[in-house]
Amino acid sequence: MNFFSTRLPYRQTGALSKLVLDYLDRVDQLKDFYAYPPTLQGIEKTIEDRQKHAVNRKVLVDELKKQYATVAHSKKVGENIEALRNEKTFTITTAHQNNLFTGPLYFTYKIIHAIKLTAELNDSLPGYRFVPVFYMGTEDADFAELNHFYLDGEKLEWKTDQAGAVGRMVIDKKLTSLIKSIEGQLGVLPFGPEIIQQLRKFYKEGNTIQHATFEFLNYLFGNYGLLVLLPDNPGIKNLANGIFRDELINQSSGKTVNETLRKLESQGYKSQAHPREINLFYLNDGIRERIEKQGVSWKVLNSKINFSKSELIKELETHPERFSPNVILRGIYQEAILPNVVFIGGGGELSYWLQYKELFEYFNIPFPVLVLRNSFLVIEKRWQEIIVGLGLDAEDFFLAENQLMKKWLMKSHSKNMQLNGGFTDAEQLYQAIKDQVSRVDPSLVKHVEALKTNTLYRLQELEKKILKAEKRKYADQQRQIEKIRLNLFPNGQLQERTDNLLYYYSKWGRDFLDELYKHSLSLEQEFTILQEK
């Protein structure tokens, strides 16, 4: 299998907010909300800042080695873990929750982007070493967001009564039955049996979701040297003890981020994430609940758990794994434990990271370079051939449906259905009449303008009727276009937000991952259309 790629400016896709588009365009009014731009020079500046702020590399390496002792891993993974001991080694990090079977395709695109950028930086900046890291958001408790995936348009869902952090949930018969239900569908594809076998190996009863996802990602990306970090870990969380203590006692993050939000909103941007007074959850025994300060005590909501100040500090020191950062503090926690210089995230993630620069300054932690993750639209050969046969280009399918159909009609069949010439002639006619009338009686000019407006409106309505009549002639082609759109934009969304990796791996195997890597961008920040030859 082989692909070729074309690129689109993100503005042409309609997929990003004004805030993120302006960040990509480096508009002046956003410069106070990040440290350095997503350029090689920006990364070099971030490295300089990072070298002034040490992280506990020994604990990080020791905990990663413990984690990877549970799986067979590549030589490159082992070398990358050891490399983190060196003060000149830095991480390129992306992050996501532990979606079931990796969830939507952009989960995969994030990881491959981190791997590709790492390789390019190792070539461009040989005085340093860079390691790709996937920070797994195992503590997310939004089960409804993480418990499903889509295959051929069908939503497949894991139902369980378990609660709390999804990463800590235990795989049961209901989940393993999902693997059986997709076996017939994927097993007929060339690499379907392979991927089904691996799912059974990792997603087995009794394993936790976070460990199964870790094993699966190690299988998929270990040969690239990707390090998967499970941050729900007492040894690692203890490294952020000072940040968590400050949050519990001083509630600094909410005040700082709210000030940044006011500044962003004054520039006309919408807020992405809103802080609470305390931005930590208490995580234990199947619960992940917010902590609130109530008078002189700290209460875990929806429970009977209360702490005095001394009890709270003791709990944090004894059981740091019981404290879980929400979206406001998650990035700070990540950057406090990793020697990180680049964070790769989606549009929503970059929107809320742009709210955090002052929070990073408060904790004296270097702010990473923010890079928008790669986006792909994958077009299989069967769809590519139909698109070419219709005389269209892949990028045409980013147009609204009516615009797309109109463009096809214009290009393929109906050179004479537009009334452009009629509009021009009418404009010229009424201009001549206006010139004549103005010499006789200027007061009649407004009447001529009204006649012109009425005539042009009727011509536009006539053009719409001609277009509608043309559409009726070509109903089969219209159905083809609608079918292609449904495949490329399932549920009206970008393909990457719905489709799951399992189908594409079952069809093409590891070659698909290699093609994504080959066509992945690093710092170019454009949308990629990937078409099968």
Protein backbone atom coordinates (compact mmCIF):
# COMPACT_ATOMS: atom_id res chain seq x y z
CA MET A 1 0.00 0.00 0.00
CA ASN A 2 1.11 3.53 -0.70
CA PHE A 3 -0.24 7.01 -0.10
CA PHE A 4 0.32 10.49 -1.41
CA SER A 5 -0.50 13.59 0.57
CA THR A 6 -1.68 17.15 0.02
CA ARG A 7 -1.93 19.91 2.60
CA LEU A 8 -4.54 22.51 3.46
CA PRO A 9 -4.32 25.63 5.63
CA TYR A 10 -6.25 24.98 8.82
CA ARG A 11 -8.44 28.00 8.13
CA GLN A 12 -9.79 26.17 5.08
CA THR A 13 -10.99 23.20 7.15
CA GLY A 14 -13.29 25.13 9.51
CA ALA A 15 -12.12 22.83 12.31
CA LEU A 16 -10.44 25.26 14.72
CA SER A 17 -11.44 28.14 16.95
CA LYS A 18 -10.40 31.74 16.31
CA LEU A 19 -8.07 31.53 19.32
CA VAL A 20 -6.08 28.60 17.90
CA LEU A 21 -6.04 30.01 14.36
CA ASP A 22 -4.70 33.30 15.69
CA TYR A 23 -2.07 31.40 17.66
CA LEU A 24 -0.96 29.63 14.49
CA ASP A 25 -0.83 32.99 12.70
CA ARG A 26 1.09 34.48 15.66
CA VAL A 27 -1.11 37.54 15.98
CA ASP A 28 0.40 40.19 18.24
CA GLN A 29 -2.43 40.23 20.78
CA LEU A 30 -1.70 36.63 21.82
CA LYS A 31 2.03 36.97 22.39
CA ASP A 32 1.62 37.48 26.14
CA PHE A 33 -0.13 34.11 26.49
CA TYR A 34 2.77 31.85 25.51
CA ALA A 35 6.52 31.89 26.03
CA TYR A 36 7.99 31.01 22.62
CA PRO A 37 6.48 30.27 19.18
CA PRO A 38 6.40 26.75 17.64
CA THR A 39 9.69 27.13 15.78
CA LEU A 40 13.12 25.57 16.08
CA GLN A 41 14.37 28.82 17.61
CA GLY A 42 11.47 28.77 20.09
CA ILE A 43 12.38 25.23 21.14
CA GLU A 44 16.02 26.22 21.62
CA LYS A 45 14.92 29.08 23.90
CA THR A 46 12.73 26.68 25.89
CA ILE A 47 15.69 24.32 26.31
CA GLU A 48 17.67 27.21 27.82
CA ASP A 49 14.84 27.82 30.30
CA ARG A 50 14.54 24.11 31.06
CA GLN A 51 18.23 23.81 31.88
CA LYS A 52 17.71 26.33 34.68
CA HIS A 53 14.90 24.24 36.18
CA ALA A 54 15.92 20.73 37.23
CA VAL A 55 13.45 17.86 37.49
CA ASN A 56 14.02 14.71 39.51
CA ARG A 57 15.33 12.54 36.70
CA LYS A 58 16.29 9.69 39.04
CA VAL A 59 12.74 9.18 40.30
CA LEU A 60 11.33 9.54 36.78
CA VAL A 61 13.70 6.93 35.36
CA ASP A 62 13.25 4.56 38.29
CA GLU A 63 9.45 4.68 38.04
CA LEU A 64 9.51 4.22 34.26
CA LYS A 65 11.78 1.20 34.67
CA LYS A 66 9.38 -0.32 37.20
CA GLN A 67 6.49 0.32 34.83
CA TYR A 68 8.24 -1.21 31.81
CA ALA A 69 9.44 -4.22 33.82
CA THR A 70 5.88 -5.54 33.39
CA VAL A 71 6.10 -5.74 29.56
CA ALA A 72 8.53 -6.86 26.88
CA HIS A 73 9.82 -3.70 25.25
CA SER A 74 12.12 -2.65 22.45
CA LYS A 75 15.78 -1.83 22.87
CA LYS A 76 14.98 1.74 21.79
CA VAL A 77 12.47 2.14 24.62
CA GLY A 78 15.08 0.98 27.14
CA GLU A 79 17.66 3.37 25.71
CA ASN A 80 15.22 6.27 25.85
CA ILE A 81 14.41 5.60 29.50
CA GLU A 82 18.11 5.55 30.40
CA ALA A 83 18.74 8.68 28.30
CA LEU A 84 16.45 10.64 30.63
CA ARG A 85 19.15 10.50 33.30
CA ASN A 86 21.22 12.88 31.17
CA GLU A 87 20.70 16.60 31.77
CA LYS A 88 20.82 17.19 28.00
CA THR A 89 17.89 14.88 27.26
CA PHE A 90 14.44 16.45 26.92
CA THR A 91 10.97 15.13 26.24
CA ILE A 92 8.47 15.89 23.48
CA THR A 93 5.13 15.15 25.08
CA THR A 94 1.56 14.56 24.02
CA ALA A 95 -1.28 13.41 26.24
CA HIS A 96 -4.73 11.87 26.20
CA GLN A 97 -7.14 9.89 28.31
CA ASN A 98 -7.17 6.10 28.07
CA ASN A 99 -9.96 5.79 25.49
CA LEU A 100 -11.18 2.27 24.83
CA PHE A 101 -8.97 0.59 22.18
CA THR A 102 -7.40 4.07 21.62
CA GLY A 103 -10.75 5.69 20.74
CA PRO A 104 -10.76 8.20 17.85
CA LEU A 105 -7.97 8.34 15.27
CA TYR A 106 -6.54 11.61 16.53
CA PHE A 107 -5.29 9.66 19.58
CA THR A 108 -2.91 7.89 17.18
CA TYR A 109 -2.09 11.06 15.23
CA LYS A 110 -0.93 12.81 18.41
CA ILE A 111 1.48 10.02 19.24
CA ILE A 112 2.96 9.80 15.76
CA HIS A 113 3.39 13.58 15.67
CA ALA A 114 5.41 13.42 18.90
CA ILE A 115 7.57 10.62 17.45
CA LYS A 116 8.15 12.50 14.18
CA LEU A 117 9.01 15.82 15.83
CA THR A 118 11.39 14.00 18.19
CA ALA A 119 13.25 12.45 15.25
CA GLU A 120 13.55 15.77 13.44
CA LEU A 121 14.81 17.58 16.55
CA ASN A 122 17.42 14.88 17.12
CA ASP A 123 18.69 15.63 13.60
CA SER A 124 18.40 19.43 13.86
CA LEU A 125 19.81 19.87 17.38
CA PRO A 126 22.51 17.17 17.73
CA GLY A 127 23.86 18.70 20.95
CA TYR A 128 20.77 17.42 22.76
CA ARG A 129 18.69 14.26 22.83
CA PHE A 130 14.93 14.17 22.57
CA VAL A 131 12.56 11.41 23.66
CA PRO A 132 8.84 11.05 22.71
CA VAL A 133 6.46 10.65 25.66
CA PHE A 134 2.77 9.84 25.80
CA TYR A 135 1.31 11.04 29.12
CA MET A 136 -1.77 8.92 29.73
CA GLY A 137 -4.64 10.69 31.46
CA THR A 138 -5.66 7.61 33.42
CA GLU A 139 -7.43 9.54 36.18
CA ASP A 140 -10.24 10.90 34.02
CA ALA A 141 -13.59 9.83 35.48
CA ASP A 142 -15.76 10.79 32.49
CA PHE A 143 -16.65 7.19 31.70
CA ALA A 144 -19.28 8.11 29.08
CA GLU A 145 -16.57 9.84 27.03
CA LEU A 146 -14.06 6.99 27.22
CA ASN A 147 -16.09 3.77 27.23
CA HIS A 148 -16.78 3.45 23.49
CA PHE A 149 -15.34 3.45 20.00
CA TYR A 150 -16.76 3.50 16.48
CA LEU A 151 -16.32 0.81 13.85
CA ASP A 152 -17.86 1.27 10.40
CA GLY A 153 -20.16 3.92 11.82
CA GLU A 154 -21.42 1.73 14.67
CA LYS A 155 -20.90 2.81 18.26
CA LEU A 156 -19.60 -0.07 20.39
CA GLU A 157 -19.86 0.59 24.11
CA TRP A 158 -18.58 -0.98 27.31
CA LYS A 159 -21.15 -0.89 30.09
CA THR A 160 -20.10 -1.37 33.70
CA ASP A 161 -21.15 -0.26 37.18
CA GLN A 162 -17.57 0.61 38.15
CA ALA A 163 -16.93 4.23 39.13
CA GLY A 164 -14.02 6.59 39.73
CA ALA A 165 -10.91 6.93 37.59
CA VAL A 166 -11.41 5.01 34.33
CA GLY A 167 -7.75 3.94 34.26
CA ARG A 168 -8.19 2.05 37.53
CA MET A 169 -11.27 0.16 36.30
CA VAL A 170 -10.90 -3.58 35.87
CA ILE A 171 -11.63 -5.36 32.59
CA ASP A 172 -14.61 -7.71 32.84
CA LYS A 173 -16.55 -10.14 30.65
CA LYS A 174 -18.65 -7.35 29.15
CA LEU A 175 -15.52 -5.70 27.78
CA THR A 176 -13.93 -8.89 26.48
CA SER A 177 -17.23 -9.69 24.75
CA LEU A 178 -16.80 -6.52 22.68
CA ILE A 179 -13.62 -8.01 21.22
CA LYS A 180 -15.55 -11.13 20.26
CA SER A 181 -18.30 -9.04 18.65
CA ILE A 182 -15.86 -7.27 16.30
CA GLU A 183 -13.84 -10.36 15.42
CA GLY A 184 -16.08 -11.36 12.54
CA GLN A 185 -15.99 -7.86 11.11
CA LEU A 186 -12.23 -7.36 11.31
CA GLY A 187 -11.11 -10.97 11.00
CA VAL A 188 -11.80 -11.03 7.23
CA LEU A 189 -9.31 -8.19 6.65
CA PRO A 190 -5.60 -8.99 6.03
CA PHE A 191 -4.33 -7.93 9.47
CA GLY A 192 -7.58 -8.38 11.39
CA PRO A 193 -6.60 -11.67 13.08
CA GLU A 194 -3.34 -10.09 14.29
CA ILE A 195 -4.96 -7.08 15.92
CA ILE A 196 -7.75 -9.18 17.48
CA GLN A 197 -5.13 -11.48 18.98
CA GLN A 198 -3.33 -8.52 20.53
CA LEU A 199 -6.54 -7.05 21.95
CA ARG A 200 -7.27 -10.38 23.62
CA LYS A 201 -3.74 -10.49 24.98
CA PHE A 202 -3.84 -7.03 26.58
CA TYR A 203 -7.53 -6.45 27.35
CA LYS A 204 -7.98 -9.57 29.44
CA GLU A 205 -10.16 -9.99 32.51
CA GLY A 206 -8.57 -8.68 35.68
CA ASN A 207 -6.23 -6.26 33.94
CA THR A 208 -6.83 -2.55 34.52
CA ILE A 209 -7.76 -0.23 31.66
CA GLN A 210 -4.62 1.86 32.16
CA HIS A 211 -2.30 -1.14 32.05
CA ALA A 212 -4.08 -2.69 29.05
CA THR A 213 -3.82 0.61 27.17
CA PHE A 214 -0.15 0.89 28.15
CA GLU A 215 0.55 -2.61 26.84
CA PHE A 216 -1.36 -1.96 23.62
CA LEU A 217 0.49 1.32 22.94
CA ASN A 218 3.81 -0.36 23.69
CA TYR A 219 2.92 -3.01 21.10
CA LEU A 220 1.95 -0.38 18.49
CA PHE A 221 4.66 2.23 19.05
CA GLY A 222 7.44 0.66 21.10
CA ASN A 223 9.57 0.11 18.01
CA TYR A 224 9.59 3.90 17.55
CA GLY A 225 10.94 4.34 21.08
CA LEU A 226 7.76 5.90 22.49
CA LEU A 227 7.64 6.09 26.29
CA VAL A 228 4.16 5.77 27.77
CA LEU A 229 3.93 7.39 31.20
CA LEU A 230 1.29 6.33 33.73
CA PRO A 231 1.20 9.34 36.06
CA ASP A 232 -1.23 7.77 38.56
CA ASN A 233 1.76 6.72 40.60
CA PRO A 234 2.70 7.66 44.19
CA GLY A 235 6.42 7.93 43.41
CA ILE A 236 5.84 10.36 40.55
CA LYS A 237 3.01 12.26 42.24
CA ASN A 238 5.24 12.91 45.21
CA LEU A 239 7.37 15.07 42.89
CA ALA A 240 4.43 17.49 42.65
CA ASN A 241 3.84 17.61 46.41
CA GLY A 242 4.64 21.34 46.62
CA ILE A 243 2.17 22.21 43.86
CA PHE A 244 -0.62 20.12 45.38
CA ARG A 245 0.04 21.54 48.85
CA ASP A 246 -0.12 25.11 47.54
CA GLU A 247 -3.38 24.33 45.78
CA LEU A 248 -5.00 22.86 48.88
CA ILE A 249 -3.84 25.58 51.26
CA ASN A 250 -3.61 28.72 49.12
CA GLN A 251 -5.89 27.94 46.13
CA SER A 252 -3.53 29.90 43.88
CA SER A 253 -4.34 28.33 40.52
CA GLY A 254 -7.93 29.50 40.30
CA LYS A 255 -7.01 33.12 41.09
CA THR A 256 -4.15 33.12 38.59
CA VAL A 257 -6.03 31.46 35.73
CA ASN A 258 -9.13 33.62 36.25
CA GLU A 259 -6.95 36.70 35.79
CA THR A 260 -5.62 35.27 32.51
CA LEU A 261 -9.17 34.44 31.40
CA ARG A 262 -10.21 38.06 31.91
CA LYS A 263 -7.33 39.17 29.71
CA LEU A 264 -8.19 36.67 26.98
CA GLU A 265 -11.87 37.59 27.04
CA SER A 266 -10.99 41.28 26.82
CA GLN A 267 -9.25 40.38 23.52
CA GLY A 268 -12.47 38.80 22.24
CA TYR A 269 -11.59 35.13 22.83
CA LYS A 270 -13.77 32.50 24.48
CA SER A 271 -12.64 30.59 27.56
CA GLN A 272 -11.97 26.87 27.21
CA ALA A 273 -11.61 25.70 30.82
CA HIS A 274 -12.82 27.43 33.98
CA PRO A 275 -11.01 26.88 37.28
CA ARG A 276 -12.59 26.01 40.60
CA GLU A 277 -11.43 27.25 43.98
CA ILE A 278 -9.50 23.97 44.47
CA ASN A 279 -8.50 22.17 41.29
CA LEU A 280 -7.72 18.79 42.80
CA PHE A 281 -9.85 15.67 43.16
CA TYR A 282 -9.64 13.07 45.89
CA LEU A 283 -9.11 9.67 44.31
CA ASN A 284 -9.65 6.48 46.34
CA ASP A 285 -11.83 3.37 46.58
CA GLY A 286 -13.73 3.91 43.35
CA ILE A 287 -14.35 7.64 43.81
CA ARG A 288 -12.84 10.72 42.19
CA GLU A 289 -14.57 13.66 43.81
CA ARG A 290 -13.81 17.35 44.14
CA ILE A 291 -12.21 18.74 47.29
CA GLU A 292 -13.80 21.87 48.76
CA LYS A 293 -12.65 24.02 51.64
CA GLN A 294 -15.54 24.55 54.03
CA GLY A 295 -14.63 26.82 56.92
CA VAL A 296 -11.56 25.35 58.64
CA SER A 297 -11.91 21.89 57.07
CA TRP A 298 -11.55 20.32 53.63
CA LYS A 299 -14.42 18.13 52.46
CA VAL A 300 -14.48 15.49 49.72
CA LEU A 301 -17.81 16.07 48.01
CA ASN A 302 -20.40 13.27 47.82
CA SER A 303 -18.63 11.41 50.61
CA LYS A 304 -18.22 11.46 54.39
CA ILE A 305 -14.50 12.29 54.13
CA ASN A 306 -13.32 15.47 55.91
CA PHE A 307 -9.83 16.69 56.76
CA SER A 308 -8.44 19.29 59.10
CA LYS A 309 -5.43 21.18 57.75
CA SER A 310 -2.94 18.94 59.52
CA GLU A 311 -4.81 15.79 58.48
CA LEU A 312 -4.89 16.97 54.89
CA ILE A 313 -1.13 17.63 54.77
CA LYS A 314 -0.45 14.25 56.36
CA GLU A 315 -2.72 12.54 53.80
CA LEU A 316 -0.89 14.26 50.95
CA GLU A 317 2.52 13.24 52.29
CA THR A 318 1.47 9.66 53.04
CA HIS A 319 -0.76 9.02 50.02
CA PRO A 320 0.07 11.44 47.17
CA GLU A 321 -1.64 9.03 44.74
CA ARG A 322 -4.98 10.00 46.30
CA PHE A 323 -4.78 13.52 44.92
CA SER A 324 -5.68 13.98 41.27
CA PRO A 325 -5.27 17.21 39.26
CA ASN A 326 -8.14 18.42 37.12
CA VAL A 327 -7.69 20.06 33.71
CA ILE A 328 -6.35 23.28 35.27
CA LEU A 329 -3.48 21.57 37.12
CA ARG A 330 -2.85 18.57 34.88
CA GLY A 331 -0.44 20.46 32.61
CA ILE A 332 1.51 21.88 35.56
CA TYR A 333 1.81 18.37 37.03
CA GLN A 334 3.05 17.02 33.69
CA GLU A 335 5.67 19.74 33.27
CA ALA A 336 6.81 19.44 36.90
CA ILE A 337 7.76 15.77 36.50
CA LEU A 338 9.13 15.77 32.92
CA PRO A 339 12.10 17.62 31.38
CA ASN A 340 9.69 18.74 28.67
CA VAL A 341 10.18 21.37 25.96
CA VAL A 342 7.23 20.78 23.58
CA PHE A 343 3.62 19.89 24.24
CA ILE A 344 1.59 18.60 21.28
CA GLY A 345 -2.16 18.95 21.65
CA GLY A 346 -5.40 19.37 19.76
CA GLY A 347 -7.25 22.62 19.23
CA GLY A 348 -9.17 22.35 22.49
CA GLU A 349 -6.05 21.53 24.46
CA LEU A 350 -4.07 24.44 23.04
CA SER A 351 -6.99 26.74 23.89
CA TYR A 352 -6.77 25.92 27.57
CA TRP A 353 -2.95 25.80 27.65
CA LEU A 354 -2.99 29.41 26.44
CA GLN A 355 -4.74 30.18 29.74
CA TYR A 356 -1.88 28.81 31.85
CA LYS A 357 1.26 30.84 31.19
CA GLU A 358 0.86 33.00 34.31
CA LEU A 359 0.18 29.86 36.36
CA PHE A 360 3.48 28.39 35.13
CA GLU A 361 5.23 31.63 36.08
CA TYR A 362 3.69 31.45 39.56
CA PHE A 363 5.14 27.96 40.10
CA ASN A 364 8.41 28.88 38.35
CA ILE A 365 8.07 26.07 35.80
CA PRO A 366 9.14 26.67 32.17
CA PHE A 367 6.22 26.95 29.77
CA PRO A 368 6.60 24.48 26.85
CA VAL A 369 6.34 25.33 23.18
CA LEU A 370 2.78 24.54 22.11
CA VAL A 371 2.40 22.63 18.84
CA LEU A 372 -0.96 21.84 17.27
CA ARG A 373 -1.22 18.10 16.69
CA ASN A 374 -1.31 16.75 13.16
CA SER A 375 -4.67 16.14 11.51
CA PHE A 376 -5.24 13.69 8.68
CA LEU A 377 -8.11 12.85 6.37
CA VAL A 378 -7.50 9.29 5.13
CA ILE A 379 -9.08 8.50 1.75
CA GLU A 380 -9.10 4.88 0.68
CA LYS A 381 -8.54 3.95 -2.97
CA ARG A 382 -12.21 3.05 -3.55
CA TRP A 383 -13.31 6.56 -2.53
CA GLN A 384 -10.37 8.22 -4.26
CA GLU A 385 -11.37 6.64 -7.59
CA ILE A 386 -14.95 7.91 -7.29
CA ILE A 387 -13.76 11.43 -6.40
CA VAL A 388 -11.49 11.50 -9.45
CA GLY A 389 -14.29 10.10 -11.62
CA LEU A 390 -16.54 12.95 -10.52
CA GLY A 391 -13.90 15.46 -11.56
CA LEU A 392 -13.47 16.69 -7.99
CA ASP A 393 -10.51 17.07 -5.64
CA ALA A 394 -10.35 15.76 -2.08
CA GLU A 395 -10.18 19.28 -0.65
CA ASP A 396 -13.52 20.10 -2.33
CA PHE A 397 -15.21 17.97 0.33
CA PHE A 398 -14.46 20.59 2.97
CA LEU A 399 -17.02 22.80 1.22
CA ALA A 400 -20.60 22.95 2.47
CA GLU A 401 -22.82 20.37 0.78
CA ASN A 402 -24.63 22.88 -1.47
CA GLN A 403 -21.36 24.52 -2.46
CA LEU A 404 -19.80 21.15 -3.23
CA MET A 405 -22.71 20.09 -5.45
CA LYS A 406 -22.70 23.44 -7.20
CA LYS A 407 -18.97 23.18 -7.85
CA TRP A 408 -19.37 19.69 -9.29
CA LEU A 409 -22.15 20.86 -11.60
CA MET A 410 -20.09 23.82 -12.77
CA LYS A 411 -17.01 21.71 -13.46
CA SER A 412 -18.68 18.68 -14.96
CA HIS A 413 -21.84 19.46 -16.88
CA SER A 414 -23.36 22.89 -16.86
CA LYS A 415 -21.21 25.65 -18.26
CA ASN A 416 -24.29 27.69 -19.16
CA MET A 417 -26.36 27.40 -16.03
CA GLN A 418 -24.82 30.47 -14.35
CA LEU A 419 -26.15 33.88 -15.26
CA ASN A 420 -22.88 35.74 -14.71
CA GLY A 421 -23.17 37.28 -18.15
CA GLY A 422 -26.77 38.26 -17.48
CA PHE A 423 -25.82 39.99 -14.25
CA THR A 424 -23.05 41.93 -15.98
CA ASP A 425 -25.33 42.99 -18.83
CA ALA A 426 -28.02 44.08 -16.37
CA GLU A 427 -25.51 46.10 -14.35
CA GLN A 428 -24.28 47.85 -17.49
CA LEU A 429 -27.83 48.51 -18.70
CA TYR A 430 -28.95 50.09 -15.45
CA GLN A 431 -25.76 52.15 -15.21
CA ALA A 432 -26.49 53.58 -18.68
CA ILE A 433 -30.08 54.33 -17.62
CA LYS A 434 -28.84 56.02 -14.42
CA ASP A 435 -26.46 58.20 -16.40
CA GLN A 436 -29.25 59.28 -18.76
CA VAL A 437 -31.81 59.85 -15.96
CA SER A 438 -29.37 61.85 -13.82
CA ARG A 439 -28.94 64.36 -16.66
CA VAL A 440 -32.70 64.75 -17.05
CA ASP A 441 -33.97 64.51 -13.46
CA PRO A 442 -31.55 63.42 -10.64
CA SER A 443 -34.47 62.66 -8.35
CA LEU A 444 -35.31 59.61 -10.49
CA VAL A 445 -31.92 57.92 -9.82
CA LYS A 446 -33.20 56.21 -6.64
CA HIS A 447 -36.11 54.77 -8.63
CA VAL A 448 -33.67 53.29 -11.16
CA GLU A 449 -31.62 51.79 -8.29
CA ALA A 450 -34.76 50.12 -6.92
CA LEU A 451 -35.58 48.68 -10.35
CA LYS A 452 -32.02 47.36 -10.65
CA THR A 453 -32.14 45.69 -7.21
CA ASN A 454 -35.44 44.02 -8.04
CA THR A 455 -34.17 42.78 -11.42
CA LEU A 456 -30.92 41.35 -10.01
CA TYR A 457 -32.84 39.60 -7.24
CA ARG A 458 -35.09 37.91 -9.80
CA LEU A 459 -32.05 36.86 -11.85
CA GLN A 460 -30.48 35.30 -8.75
CA GLU A 461 -33.68 33.40 -8.03
CA LEU A 462 -33.72 32.20 -11.64
CA GLU A 463 -30.11 30.97 -11.28
CA LYS A 464 -31.10 29.00 -8.17
CA LYS A 465 -33.95 27.35 -10.08
CA ILE A 466 -31.59 26.42 -12.92
CA LEU A 467 -29.17 24.89 -10.40
CA LYS A 468 -32.00 22.96 -8.74
CA ALA A 469 -33.14 21.61 -12.10
CA GLU A 470 -29.57 20.53 -12.89
CA LYS A 471 -29.32 18.73 -9.57
CA ARG A 472 -32.45 16.70 -10.38
CA LYS A 473 -30.82 15.54 -13.63
CA TYR A 474 -27.83 14.11 -11.77
CA ALA A 475 -29.37 12.40 -8.74
CA ASP A 476 -27.02 9.40 -8.96
CA GLN A 477 -23.92 11.60 -8.84
CA GLN A 478 -25.42 13.55 -5.96
CA ARG A 479 -25.92 10.30 -4.03
CA GLN A 480 -22.30 9.38 -4.70
CA ILE A 481 -21.12 12.73 -3.36
CA GLU A 482 -23.27 12.36 -0.26
CA LYS A 483 -21.91 8.83 0.32
CA ILE A 484 -18.32 10.06 0.07
CA ARG A 485 -19.05 12.90 2.48
CA LEU A 486 -20.59 10.47 4.96
CA ASN A 487 -17.45 8.33 4.84
CA LEU A 488 -14.99 11.20 5.11
CA PHE A 489 -17.02 13.17 7.67
CA PRO A 490 -19.01 10.64 9.71
CA ASN A 491 -21.74 12.27 11.81
CA GLY A 492 -20.76 15.57 10.19
CA GLN A 493 -17.40 15.56 12.02
CA LEU A 494 -13.83 15.19 10.88
CA GLN A 495 -13.10 11.51 10.29
CA GLU A 496 -10.38 11.58 12.97
CA ARG A 497 -12.91 12.45 15.67
CA THR A 498 -15.00 9.32 15.07
CA ASP A 499 -13.16 6.51 13.28
CA ASN A 500 -11.01 4.09 15.27
CA LEU A 501 -7.56 2.74 14.40
CA LEU A 502 -8.68 -0.92 14.46
CA TYR A 503 -10.23 -0.86 10.97
CA TYR A 504 -7.23 0.79 9.33
CA TYR A 505 -4.75 -1.48 11.10
CA SER A 506 -6.83 -4.54 10.15
CA LYS A 507 -6.66 -3.46 6.51
CA TRP A 508 -3.04 -2.30 6.22
CA GLY A 509 -1.22 -3.43 9.37
CA ARG A 510 1.88 -1.61 10.54
CA ASP A 511 2.32 -0.14 7.07
CA PHE A 512 -0.49 2.26 7.96
CA LEU A 513 1.43 3.55 10.99
CA ASP A 514 4.57 3.86 8.88
CA GLU A 515 2.67 5.85 6.23
CA LEU A 516 1.29 8.18 8.89
CA TYR A 517 4.83 8.67 10.18
CA LYS A 518 6.16 9.27 6.66
CA HIS A 519 3.56 11.96 5.90
CA SER A 520 3.41 13.43 9.41
CA LEU A 521 4.49 17.05 9.73
CA SER A 522 6.57 18.42 12.58
CA LEU A 523 6.35 22.22 12.95
CA GLU A 524 4.58 23.09 9.68
CA GLN A 525 1.08 23.22 11.25
CA GLU A 526 -1.10 22.30 8.27
CA PHE A 527 -3.93 19.81 7.68
CA THR A 528 -2.92 16.71 5.68
CA ILE A 529 -5.10 14.80 3.23
CA LEU A 530 -3.73 11.27 2.85
CA GLN A 531 -4.90 9.50 -0.31
CA GLU A 532 -4.31 5.87 -1.20
CA LYS A 533 -2.72 5.37 -4.61
